[in-house]
Amino acid sequence: MIAETKKSAEQKMLKSLEALKHDLAKVRTGRAHTGLLDHLQVDYYGSMMPINQVANITLIDSRTIGVQPWEKTMISKVEKAIRDGDLGLNPATQGDVIRVPMPMLTEERRKEMIKLVKHEGENAKIAVRNIRRDAIAHLKDALKKSEISEDDERRTQDEIQKLTDRYVAEVDRQLVEKEKDLMAI
């Protein structure tokens, strides 16, 4: 019962951290990386598909992403999906390859990105704290039903708090790392 509650809380906190990492990967720095386009959807014969399922995505150089659709008919749709995405990118087609140059980030844009990153981090911390709250409520409920002793409940609460502190610290570490990336020119 207690081990199950702790394990469940830790798994949920880990998922929150993974979600944060995924969200931070979408926030672009000055460098190009293929994961930047992962969340974009392309209209593929009437159904929406992730861009990496209709095209090969590679790095041409440190500031340019190359996208090569597997079907020539998809070039315009893929280009439109990249242009309409929320990344502020302007793709250019050269033959059957779409080149996506990464523009330099201005100081103002970098500060906006840092605000966005901090907001994402705060959401992750809130999620971790909510998981802690739910786990502790579960323990108190078990104590009321006399399924566990008061000592076990207190000890487990302390362990869950330590777990929470560890994941909040990891969220902070991820944020500091992403801020460094954003401020690097």
N, C-alpha and C. Protein backbone atom coordinates (compact mmCIF):
# COMPACT_ATOMS: atom_id res chain seq x y z
N MET A 1 0.83 -1.20 0.00
CA MET A 1 0.00 0.00 0.00
C MET A 1 0.87 1.25 0.00
N ILE A 2 1.80 1.35 0.95
CA ILE A 2 2.67 2.52 1.04
C ILE A 2 3.64 2.54 -0.12
N ALA A 3 4.25 1.40 -0.41
CA ALA A 3 5.20 1.32 -1.52
C ALA A 3 4.50 1.64 -2.84
N GLU A 4 3.27 1.20 -2.97
CA GLU A 4 2.49 1.47 -4.18
C GLU A 4 2.22 2.96 -4.34
N THR A 5 1.89 3.63 -3.25
CA THR A 5 1.63 5.08 -3.29
C THR A 5 2.89 5.84 -3.67
N LYS A 6 4.03 5.47 -3.06
CA LYS A 6 5.29 6.15 -3.38
C LYS A 6 5.69 5.91 -4.83
N LYS A 7 5.55 4.67 -5.28
CA LYS A 7 5.93 4.33 -6.65
C LYS A 7 5.06 5.09 -7.65
N SER A 8 3.77 5.14 -7.38
CA SER A 8 2.85 5.85 -8.25
C SER A 8 3.19 7.34 -8.32
N ALA A 9 3.47 7.93 -7.15
CA ALA A 9 3.84 9.35 -7.11
C ALA A 9 5.12 9.60 -7.88
N GLU A 10 6.11 8.72 -7.70
CA GLU A 10 7.38 8.92 -8.41
C GLU A 10 7.21 8.78 -9.92
N GLN A 11 6.41 7.82 -10.35
CA GLN A 11 6.18 7.65 -11.80
C GLN A 11 5.49 8.88 -12.38
N LYS A 12 4.51 9.41 -11.66
CA LYS A 12 3.80 10.60 -12.15
C LYS A 12 4.73 11.81 -12.20
N MET A 13 5.59 11.95 -11.19
CA MET A 13 6.54 13.07 -11.17
C MET A 13 7.53 12.94 -12.32
N LEU A 14 7.95 11.73 -12.60
CA LEU A 14 8.87 11.49 -13.71
C LEU A 14 8.20 11.86 -15.03
N LYS A 15 6.91 11.51 -15.18
CA LYS A 15 6.18 11.88 -16.39
C LYS A 15 6.07 13.39 -16.53
N SER A 16 5.87 14.10 -15.42
CA SER A 16 5.81 15.56 -15.46
C SER A 16 7.15 16.14 -15.91
N LEU A 17 8.25 15.56 -15.42
CA LEU A 17 9.58 16.01 -15.82
C LEU A 17 9.82 15.73 -17.29
N GLU A 18 9.41 14.56 -17.77
CA GLU A 18 9.56 14.23 -19.19
C GLU A 18 8.74 15.18 -20.06
N ALA A 19 7.54 15.52 -19.60
CA ALA A 19 6.69 16.46 -20.35
C ALA A 19 7.38 17.83 -20.43
N LEU A 20 8.01 18.24 -19.34
CA LEU A 20 8.74 19.51 -19.34
C LEU A 20 9.88 19.46 -20.34
N LYS A 21 10.65 18.37 -20.32
CA LYS A 21 11.77 18.23 -21.26
C LYS A 21 11.27 18.31 -22.71
N HIS A 22 10.14 17.66 -22.96
CA HIS A 22 9.55 17.68 -24.30
C HIS A 22 9.13 19.10 -24.68
N ASP A 23 8.50 19.81 -23.75
CA ASP A 23 8.08 21.18 -24.02
C ASP A 23 9.27 22.11 -24.23
N LEU A 24 10.32 21.92 -23.45
CA LEU A 24 11.51 22.76 -23.59
C LEU A 24 12.23 22.50 -24.91
N ALA A 25 12.13 21.29 -25.41
CA ALA A 25 12.77 20.97 -26.69
C ALA A 25 12.12 21.75 -27.83
N LYS A 26 10.85 22.10 -27.67
CA LYS A 26 10.15 22.86 -28.70
C LYS A 26 10.58 24.32 -28.72
N VAL A 27 11.02 24.84 -27.59
CA VAL A 27 11.46 26.24 -27.52
C VAL A 27 12.82 26.31 -28.19
N ARG A 28 12.88 27.09 -29.24
CA ARG A 28 14.11 27.05 -30.03
C ARG A 28 15.17 27.99 -29.50
N THR A 29 16.38 27.54 -29.61
CA THR A 29 17.54 28.37 -29.32
C THR A 29 18.06 28.82 -30.68
N GLY A 30 19.23 29.40 -30.75
CA GLY A 30 19.76 29.85 -32.03
C GLY A 30 20.21 28.71 -32.92
N ARG A 31 20.37 27.52 -32.33
CA ARG A 31 20.86 26.37 -33.10
C ARG A 31 19.70 25.56 -33.65
N ALA A 32 19.95 24.90 -34.75
CA ALA A 32 18.95 24.04 -35.36
C ALA A 32 19.04 22.64 -34.75
N HIS A 33 17.90 22.01 -34.56
CA HIS A 33 17.88 20.59 -34.19
C HIS A 33 16.58 20.00 -34.73
N THR A 34 16.64 18.74 -35.11
CA THR A 34 15.52 18.12 -35.81
C THR A 34 14.27 17.99 -34.95
N GLY A 35 14.43 17.91 -33.64
CA GLY A 35 13.29 17.78 -32.74
C GLY A 35 12.40 19.00 -32.72
N LEU A 36 12.89 20.08 -33.29
CA LEU A 36 12.14 21.34 -33.33
C LEU A 36 10.84 21.21 -34.11
N LEU A 37 10.83 20.36 -35.12
CA LEU A 37 9.67 20.23 -35.99
C LEU A 37 8.75 19.08 -35.60
N ASP A 38 9.11 18.33 -34.56
CA ASP A 38 8.37 17.11 -34.20
C ASP A 38 6.89 17.33 -33.94
N HIS A 39 6.52 18.45 -33.37
CA HIS A 39 5.11 18.66 -33.01
C HIS A 39 4.26 19.18 -34.17
N LEU A 40 4.88 19.50 -35.31
CA LEU A 40 4.13 20.01 -36.46
C LEU A 40 3.34 18.89 -37.13
N GLN A 41 2.14 19.20 -37.54
CA GLN A 41 1.25 18.24 -38.20
C GLN A 41 1.07 18.64 -39.67
N VAL A 42 1.03 17.65 -40.55
CA VAL A 42 0.87 17.87 -41.99
C VAL A 42 -0.40 17.17 -42.46
N ASP A 43 -1.14 17.83 -43.34
CA ASP A 43 -2.34 17.23 -43.91
C ASP A 43 -1.90 16.19 -44.95
N TYR A 44 -2.02 14.92 -44.59
CA TYR A 44 -1.58 13.83 -45.47
C TYR A 44 -2.82 13.10 -45.97
N TYR A 45 -3.27 13.48 -47.14
CA TYR A 45 -4.45 12.89 -47.78
C TYR A 45 -5.66 12.85 -46.84
N GLY A 46 -5.91 13.99 -46.21
CA GLY A 46 -7.10 14.12 -45.38
C GLY A 46 -6.93 13.84 -43.91
N SER A 47 -5.80 13.27 -43.49
CA SER A 47 -5.59 13.05 -42.06
C SER A 47 -4.32 13.78 -41.62
N MET A 48 -4.32 14.24 -40.40
CA MET A 48 -3.17 14.99 -39.89
C MET A 48 -2.12 14.00 -39.37
N MET A 49 -0.90 14.17 -39.87
CA MET A 49 0.21 13.27 -39.50
C MET A 49 1.38 14.13 -38.98
N PRO A 50 2.17 13.59 -38.04
CA PRO A 50 3.38 14.31 -37.63
C PRO A 50 4.32 14.44 -38.83
N ILE A 51 5.01 15.54 -38.90
CA ILE A 51 5.87 15.83 -40.06
C ILE A 51 6.95 14.76 -40.24
N ASN A 52 7.43 14.18 -39.13
CA ASN A 52 8.49 13.17 -39.27
C ASN A 52 7.97 11.83 -39.81
N GLN A 53 6.65 11.71 -40.02
CA GLN A 53 6.11 10.50 -40.61
C GLN A 53 5.84 10.65 -42.11
N VAL A 54 6.02 11.87 -42.63
CA VAL A 54 5.83 12.08 -44.07
C VAL A 54 7.10 12.61 -44.73
N ALA A 55 8.14 12.86 -43.94
CA ALA A 55 9.36 13.42 -44.51
C ALA A 55 10.58 13.01 -43.69
N ASN A 56 11.73 13.06 -44.33
CA ASN A 56 13.00 12.81 -43.67
C ASN A 56 13.54 14.16 -43.20
N ILE A 57 13.84 14.28 -41.91
CA ILE A 57 14.32 15.54 -41.35
C ILE A 57 15.78 15.37 -40.96
N THR A 58 16.64 16.24 -41.49
CA THR A 58 18.08 16.17 -41.21
C THR A 58 18.62 17.56 -40.93
N LEU A 59 19.84 17.62 -40.40
CA LEU A 59 20.52 18.90 -40.23
C LEU A 59 21.46 19.09 -41.42
N ILE A 60 21.30 20.20 -42.12
CA ILE A 60 22.20 20.52 -43.23
C ILE A 60 23.47 21.14 -42.67
N ASP A 61 23.30 22.09 -41.74
CA ASP A 61 24.41 22.65 -40.98
C ASP A 61 23.87 23.09 -39.62
N SER A 62 24.65 23.79 -38.83
CA SER A 62 24.23 24.10 -37.47
C SER A 62 23.05 25.07 -37.40
N ARG A 63 22.76 25.76 -38.51
CA ARG A 63 21.67 26.73 -38.50
C ARG A 63 20.58 26.41 -39.53
N THR A 64 20.65 25.25 -40.18
CA THR A 64 19.68 24.91 -41.21
C THR A 64 19.19 23.48 -41.07
N ILE A 65 17.87 23.32 -41.12
CA ILE A 65 17.25 22.00 -41.09
C ILE A 65 16.83 21.66 -42.52
N GLY A 66 17.07 20.43 -42.93
CA GLY A 66 16.63 19.97 -44.25
C GLY A 66 15.45 19.02 -44.08
N VAL A 67 14.38 19.28 -44.84
CA VAL A 67 13.20 18.42 -44.78
C VAL A 67 12.96 17.89 -46.20
N GLN A 68 12.96 16.57 -46.34
CA GLN A 68 12.75 15.98 -47.65
C GLN A 68 11.54 15.04 -47.58
N PRO A 69 10.38 15.53 -48.09
CA PRO A 69 9.18 14.68 -48.09
C PRO A 69 9.40 13.44 -48.94
N TRP A 70 8.79 12.33 -48.52
CA TRP A 70 8.96 11.09 -49.25
C TRP A 70 8.18 11.10 -50.55
N GLU A 71 7.15 11.94 -50.65
CA GLU A 71 6.39 12.08 -51.89
C GLU A 71 6.50 13.52 -52.37
N LYS A 72 6.77 13.70 -53.66
CA LYS A 72 6.93 15.05 -54.21
C LYS A 72 5.66 15.89 -54.05
N THR A 73 4.50 15.22 -54.06
CA THR A 73 3.23 15.96 -53.93
C THR A 73 3.08 16.60 -52.55
N MET A 74 3.86 16.16 -51.58
CA MET A 74 3.73 16.66 -50.20
C MET A 74 4.60 17.89 -49.92
N ILE A 75 5.47 18.26 -50.86
CA ILE A 75 6.41 19.37 -50.61
C ILE A 75 5.68 20.64 -50.19
N SER A 76 4.65 21.05 -50.94
CA SER A 76 3.96 22.30 -50.61
C SER A 76 3.22 22.20 -49.28
N LYS A 77 2.65 21.04 -48.98
CA LYS A 77 1.92 20.88 -47.71
C LYS A 77 2.87 20.91 -46.52
N VAL A 78 4.03 20.27 -46.66
CA VAL A 78 5.01 20.27 -45.58
C VAL A 78 5.55 21.69 -45.37
N GLU A 79 5.84 22.38 -46.47
CA GLU A 79 6.33 23.76 -46.38
C GLU A 79 5.30 24.65 -45.69
N LYS A 80 4.02 24.48 -46.03
CA LYS A 80 2.95 25.25 -45.42
C LYS A 80 2.85 24.96 -43.92
N ALA A 81 2.98 23.69 -43.54
CA ALA A 81 2.90 23.30 -42.12
C ALA A 81 4.03 23.96 -41.32
N ILE A 82 5.23 24.00 -41.90
CA ILE A 82 6.37 24.62 -41.22
C ILE A 82 6.15 26.13 -41.09
N ARG A 83 5.69 26.75 -42.17
CA ARG A 83 5.46 28.20 -42.17
C ARG A 83 4.35 28.58 -41.18
N ASP A 84 3.28 27.77 -41.13
CA ASP A 84 2.14 28.08 -40.28
C ASP A 84 2.37 27.67 -38.82
N GLY A 85 3.45 26.92 -38.57
CA GLY A 85 3.75 26.51 -37.19
C GLY A 85 4.06 27.72 -36.34
N ASP A 86 4.08 27.53 -35.04
CA ASP A 86 4.29 28.64 -34.11
C ASP A 86 5.76 28.93 -33.83
N LEU A 87 6.64 28.54 -34.76
CA LEU A 87 8.07 28.66 -34.53
C LEU A 87 8.70 29.89 -35.18
N GLY A 88 7.96 30.58 -36.03
CA GLY A 88 8.50 31.76 -36.70
C GLY A 88 9.56 31.41 -37.72
N LEU A 89 9.40 30.28 -38.40
CA LEU A 89 10.37 29.84 -39.40
C LEU A 89 9.86 30.12 -40.80
N ASN A 90 10.79 30.36 -41.74
CA ASN A 90 10.43 30.65 -43.11
C ASN A 90 11.16 29.67 -44.04
N PRO A 91 10.51 28.53 -44.37
CA PRO A 91 11.18 27.52 -45.19
C PRO A 91 11.29 27.95 -46.66
N ALA A 92 12.28 27.41 -47.35
CA ALA A 92 12.48 27.67 -48.77
C ALA A 92 12.73 26.34 -49.48
N THR A 93 12.01 26.12 -50.59
CA THR A 93 12.15 24.86 -51.31
C THR A 93 13.24 24.97 -52.37
N GLN A 94 14.11 23.95 -52.41
CA GLN A 94 15.13 23.84 -53.45
C GLN A 94 15.02 22.45 -54.02
N GLY A 95 14.37 22.32 -55.16
CA GLY A 95 14.15 21.01 -55.75
C GLY A 95 13.19 20.21 -54.89
N ASP A 96 13.64 19.06 -54.42
CA ASP A 96 12.76 18.25 -53.58
C ASP A 96 13.15 18.31 -52.09
N VAL A 97 13.98 19.30 -51.72
CA VAL A 97 14.38 19.50 -50.33
C VAL A 97 13.89 20.86 -49.85
N ILE A 98 13.31 20.87 -48.68
CA ILE A 98 12.88 22.13 -48.07
C ILE A 98 13.95 22.52 -47.06
N ARG A 99 14.55 23.69 -47.27
CA ARG A 99 15.57 24.20 -46.35
C ARG A 99 14.88 25.11 -45.34
N VAL A 100 15.15 24.88 -44.05
CA VAL A 100 14.55 25.70 -43.00
C VAL A 100 15.68 26.40 -42.24
N PRO A 101 16.01 27.63 -42.63
CA PRO A 101 17.08 28.34 -41.92
C PRO A 101 16.58 28.86 -40.56
N MET A 102 17.45 28.81 -39.58
CA MET A 102 17.11 29.31 -38.25
C MET A 102 17.57 30.76 -38.15
N PRO A 103 16.63 31.69 -38.01
CA PRO A 103 17.04 33.09 -37.89
C PRO A 103 17.71 33.35 -36.54
N MET A 104 18.55 34.36 -36.51
CA MET A 104 19.20 34.75 -35.25
C MET A 104 18.13 35.27 -34.30
N LEU A 105 18.27 34.96 -33.04
CA LEU A 105 17.33 35.46 -32.04
C LEU A 105 17.77 36.84 -31.57
N THR A 106 16.84 37.78 -31.55
CA THR A 106 17.15 39.11 -31.02
C THR A 106 17.12 39.02 -29.50
N GLU A 107 17.68 40.03 -28.84
CA GLU A 107 17.71 40.06 -27.38
C GLU A 107 16.29 40.05 -26.82
N GLU A 108 15.40 40.80 -27.47
CA GLU A 108 14.01 40.88 -27.02
C GLU A 108 13.33 39.52 -27.14
N ARG A 109 13.57 38.83 -28.26
CA ARG A 109 12.97 37.52 -28.48
C ARG A 109 13.52 36.49 -27.48
N ARG A 110 14.82 36.60 -27.16
CA ARG A 110 15.42 35.71 -26.18
C ARG A 110 14.74 35.87 -24.82
N LYS A 111 14.47 37.12 -24.43
CA LYS A 111 13.83 37.37 -23.14
C LYS A 111 12.40 36.83 -23.13
N GLU A 112 11.71 36.94 -24.27
CA GLU A 112 10.36 36.36 -24.37
C GLU A 112 10.43 34.84 -24.21
N MET A 113 11.43 34.24 -24.84
CA MET A 113 11.60 32.79 -24.75
C MET A 113 11.89 32.36 -23.31
N ILE A 114 12.70 33.15 -22.61
CA ILE A 114 13.02 32.82 -21.21
C ILE A 114 11.77 32.90 -20.36
N LYS A 115 10.92 33.90 -20.61
CA LYS A 115 9.65 33.99 -19.88
C LYS A 115 8.80 32.75 -20.15
N LEU A 116 8.76 32.33 -21.40
CA LEU A 116 8.00 31.14 -21.77
C LEU A 116 8.56 29.90 -21.06
N VAL A 117 9.88 29.78 -21.04
CA VAL A 117 10.53 28.64 -20.39
C VAL A 117 10.22 28.63 -18.90
N LYS A 118 10.29 29.79 -18.26
CA LYS A 118 10.00 29.87 -16.83
C LYS A 118 8.54 29.50 -16.55
N HIS A 119 7.66 29.92 -17.44
CA HIS A 119 6.24 29.57 -17.28
C HIS A 119 6.05 28.06 -17.38
N GLU A 120 6.70 27.44 -18.36
CA GLU A 120 6.63 25.98 -18.50
C GLU A 120 7.19 25.29 -17.25
N GLY A 121 8.29 25.82 -16.73
CA GLY A 121 8.89 25.25 -15.53
C GLY A 121 7.97 25.37 -14.32
N GLU A 122 7.32 26.51 -14.20
CA GLU A 122 6.39 26.70 -13.08
C GLU A 122 5.22 25.73 -13.18
N ASN A 123 4.73 25.51 -14.41
CA ASN A 123 3.66 24.53 -14.61
C ASN A 123 4.11 23.13 -14.20
N ALA A 124 5.36 22.78 -14.51
CA ALA A 124 5.88 21.47 -14.13
C ALA A 124 5.99 21.35 -12.61
N LYS A 125 6.44 22.42 -11.95
CA LYS A 125 6.53 22.40 -10.49
C LYS A 125 5.14 22.24 -9.86
N ILE A 126 4.17 22.94 -10.42
CA ILE A 126 2.80 22.83 -9.91
C ILE A 126 2.30 21.40 -10.07
N ALA A 127 2.60 20.79 -11.22
CA ALA A 127 2.17 19.40 -11.45
C ALA A 127 2.80 18.47 -10.42
N VAL A 128 4.09 18.66 -10.14
CA VAL A 128 4.79 17.81 -9.16
C VAL A 128 4.18 18.00 -7.77
N ARG A 129 3.89 19.26 -7.42
CA ARG A 129 3.30 19.53 -6.09
C ARG A 129 1.89 18.96 -5.99
N ASN A 130 1.15 18.99 -7.09
CA ASN A 130 -0.19 18.40 -7.08
C ASN A 130 -0.12 16.88 -6.88
N ILE A 131 0.89 16.27 -7.46
CA ILE A 131 1.08 14.83 -7.28
C ILE A 131 1.39 14.54 -5.81
N ARG A 132 2.23 15.39 -5.21
CA ARG A 132 2.53 15.24 -3.78
C ARG A 132 1.26 15.36 -2.95
N ARG A 133 0.46 16.37 -3.26
CA ARG A 133 -0.79 16.59 -2.51
C ARG A 133 -1.70 15.37 -2.62
N ASP A 134 -1.84 14.83 -3.83
CA ASP A 134 -2.70 13.66 -4.03
C ASP A 134 -2.17 12.44 -3.26
N ALA A 135 -0.85 12.25 -3.28
CA ALA A 135 -0.26 11.10 -2.58
C ALA A 135 -0.48 11.23 -1.07
N ILE A 136 -0.30 12.44 -0.55
CA ILE A 136 -0.48 12.65 0.89
C ILE A 136 -1.95 12.48 1.26
N ALA A 137 -2.86 12.96 0.42
CA ALA A 137 -4.29 12.77 0.68
C ALA A 137 -4.63 11.27 0.70
N HIS A 138 -3.99 10.52 -0.21
CA HIS A 138 -4.20 9.08 -0.27
C HIS A 138 -3.72 8.42 1.04
N LEU A 139 -2.57 8.88 1.55
CA LEU A 139 -2.04 8.35 2.82
C LEU A 139 -2.97 8.68 3.98
N LYS A 140 -3.44 9.91 4.04
CA LYS A 140 -4.34 10.32 5.14
C LYS A 140 -5.63 9.50 5.10
N ASP A 141 -6.10 9.23 3.89
CA ASP A 141 -7.30 8.42 3.74
C ASP A 141 -7.06 7.00 4.26
N ALA A 142 -5.88 6.46 3.93
CA ALA A 142 -5.52 5.12 4.40
C ALA A 142 -5.38 5.10 5.93
N LEU A 143 -4.87 6.21 6.49
CA LEU A 143 -4.74 6.30 7.96
C LEU A 143 -6.12 6.32 8.61
N LYS A 144 -7.06 7.06 8.03
CA LYS A 144 -8.42 7.12 8.56
C LYS A 144 -9.08 5.74 8.56
N LYS A 145 -8.78 4.97 7.52
CA LYS A 145 -9.37 3.63 7.40
C LYS A 145 -8.56 2.61 8.22
N SER A 146 -7.55 3.08 8.94
CA SER A 146 -6.67 2.25 9.77
C SER A 146 -5.94 1.18 8.95
N GLU A 147 -5.62 1.50 7.70
CA GLU A 147 -4.86 0.57 6.86
C GLU A 147 -3.36 0.69 7.13
N ILE A 148 -2.95 1.89 7.62
CA ILE A 148 -1.53 2.11 7.95
C ILE A 148 -1.45 2.80 9.30
N SER A 149 -0.27 2.74 9.93
CA SER A 149 -0.09 3.38 11.23
C SER A 149 0.30 4.85 11.04
N GLU A 150 0.19 5.63 12.12
CA GLU A 150 0.57 7.04 12.05
C GLU A 150 2.05 7.20 11.74
N ASP A 151 2.89 6.33 12.32
CA ASP A 151 4.33 6.40 12.05
C ASP A 151 4.63 6.15 10.58
N ASP A 152 3.99 5.13 10.01
CA ASP A 152 4.18 4.84 8.58
C ASP A 152 3.71 6.01 7.73
N GLU A 153 2.59 6.59 8.11
CA GLU A 153 2.04 7.72 7.35
C GLU A 153 3.01 8.90 7.38
N ARG A 154 3.54 9.23 8.56
CA ARG A 154 4.48 10.36 8.68
C ARG A 154 5.77 10.08 7.91
N ARG A 155 6.29 8.87 8.06
CA ARG A 155 7.54 8.51 7.39
C ARG A 155 7.36 8.59 5.86
N THR A 156 6.23 8.08 5.39
CA THR A 156 5.97 8.10 3.95
C THR A 156 5.76 9.53 3.46
N GLN A 157 5.10 10.36 4.26
CA GLN A 157 4.94 11.77 3.89
C GLN A 157 6.31 12.43 3.73
N ASP A 158 7.22 12.16 4.66
CA ASP A 158 8.57 12.72 4.57
C ASP A 158 9.28 12.24 3.30
N GLU A 159 9.12 10.96 2.99
CA GLU A 159 9.76 10.41 1.79
C GLU A 159 9.16 11.04 0.52
N ILE A 160 7.86 11.24 0.52
CA ILE A 160 7.21 11.87 -0.64
C ILE A 160 7.66 13.32 -0.76
N GLN A 161 7.84 14.01 0.37
CA GLN A 161 8.34 15.39 0.33
C GLN A 161 9.75 15.44 -0.23
N LYS A 162 10.60 14.48 0.18
CA LYS A 162 11.97 14.43 -0.35
C LYS A 162 11.95 14.17 -1.85
N LEU A 163 11.06 13.30 -2.27
CA LEU A 163 10.89 13.01 -3.70
C LEU A 163 10.47 14.27 -4.45
N THR A 164 9.51 14.98 -3.87
CA THR A 164 9.03 16.23 -4.47
C THR A 164 10.16 17.24 -4.58
N ASP A 165 10.93 17.39 -3.51
CA ASP A 165 12.06 18.33 -3.52
C ASP A 165 13.06 17.97 -4.60
N ARG A 166 13.31 16.67 -4.76
CA ARG A 166 14.27 16.22 -5.78
C ARG A 166 13.77 16.57 -7.19
N TYR A 167 12.48 16.33 -7.46
CA TYR A 167 11.96 16.63 -8.79
C TYR A 167 11.84 18.12 -9.05
N VAL A 168 11.51 18.91 -8.03
CA VAL A 168 11.46 20.37 -8.20
C VAL A 168 12.88 20.89 -8.49
N ALA A 169 13.89 20.35 -7.81
CA ALA A 169 15.28 20.74 -8.07
C ALA A 169 15.68 20.37 -9.50
N GLU A 170 15.23 19.22 -9.97
CA GLU A 170 15.54 18.81 -11.35
C GLU A 170 14.87 19.74 -12.35
N VAL A 171 13.64 20.16 -12.06
CA VAL A 171 12.95 21.13 -12.93
C VAL A 171 13.76 22.42 -12.99
N ASP A 172 14.21 22.90 -11.82
CA ASP A 172 15.03 24.12 -11.79
C ASP A 172 16.31 23.95 -12.60
N ARG A 173 16.93 22.77 -12.49
CA ARG A 173 18.16 22.52 -13.25
C ARG A 173 17.90 22.55 -14.76
N GLN A 174 16.79 21.97 -15.17
CA GLN A 174 16.42 21.98 -16.59
C GLN A 174 16.21 23.42 -17.07
N LEU A 175 15.56 24.24 -16.24
CA LEU A 175 15.29 25.63 -16.61
C LEU A 175 16.59 26.42 -16.76
N VAL A 176 17.51 26.24 -15.81
CA VAL A 176 18.79 26.96 -15.87
C VAL A 176 19.54 26.56 -17.14
N GLU A 177 19.53 25.27 -17.45
CA GLU A 177 20.21 24.77 -18.65
C GLU A 177 19.61 25.39 -19.91
N LYS A 178 18.28 25.45 -19.98
CA LYS A 178 17.62 26.00 -21.17
C LYS A 178 17.86 27.52 -21.26
N GLU A 179 17.88 28.22 -20.13
CA GLU A 179 18.17 29.65 -20.15
C GLU A 179 19.58 29.91 -20.67
N LYS A 180 20.55 29.08 -20.26
CA LYS A 180 21.91 29.21 -20.77
C LYS A 180 21.91 29.05 -22.29
N ASP A 181 21.18 28.03 -22.78
CA ASP A 181 21.10 27.81 -24.22
C ASP A 181 20.51 29.01 -24.93
N LEU A 182 19.48 29.57 -24.35
CA LEU A 182 18.80 30.71 -24.98
C LEU A 182 19.69 31.96 -25.00
N MET A 183 20.46 32.17 -23.95
CA MET A 183 21.28 33.38 -23.89
C MET A 183 22.59 33.24 -24.64
N ALA A 184 22.98 32.01 -25.00
CA ALA A 184 24.22 31.82 -25.77
C ALA A 184 24.00 32.36 -27.18
N ILE A 185 24.95 33.10 -27.65
CA ILE A 185 24.82 33.71 -28.99
C ILE A 185 25.49 32.85 -30.03
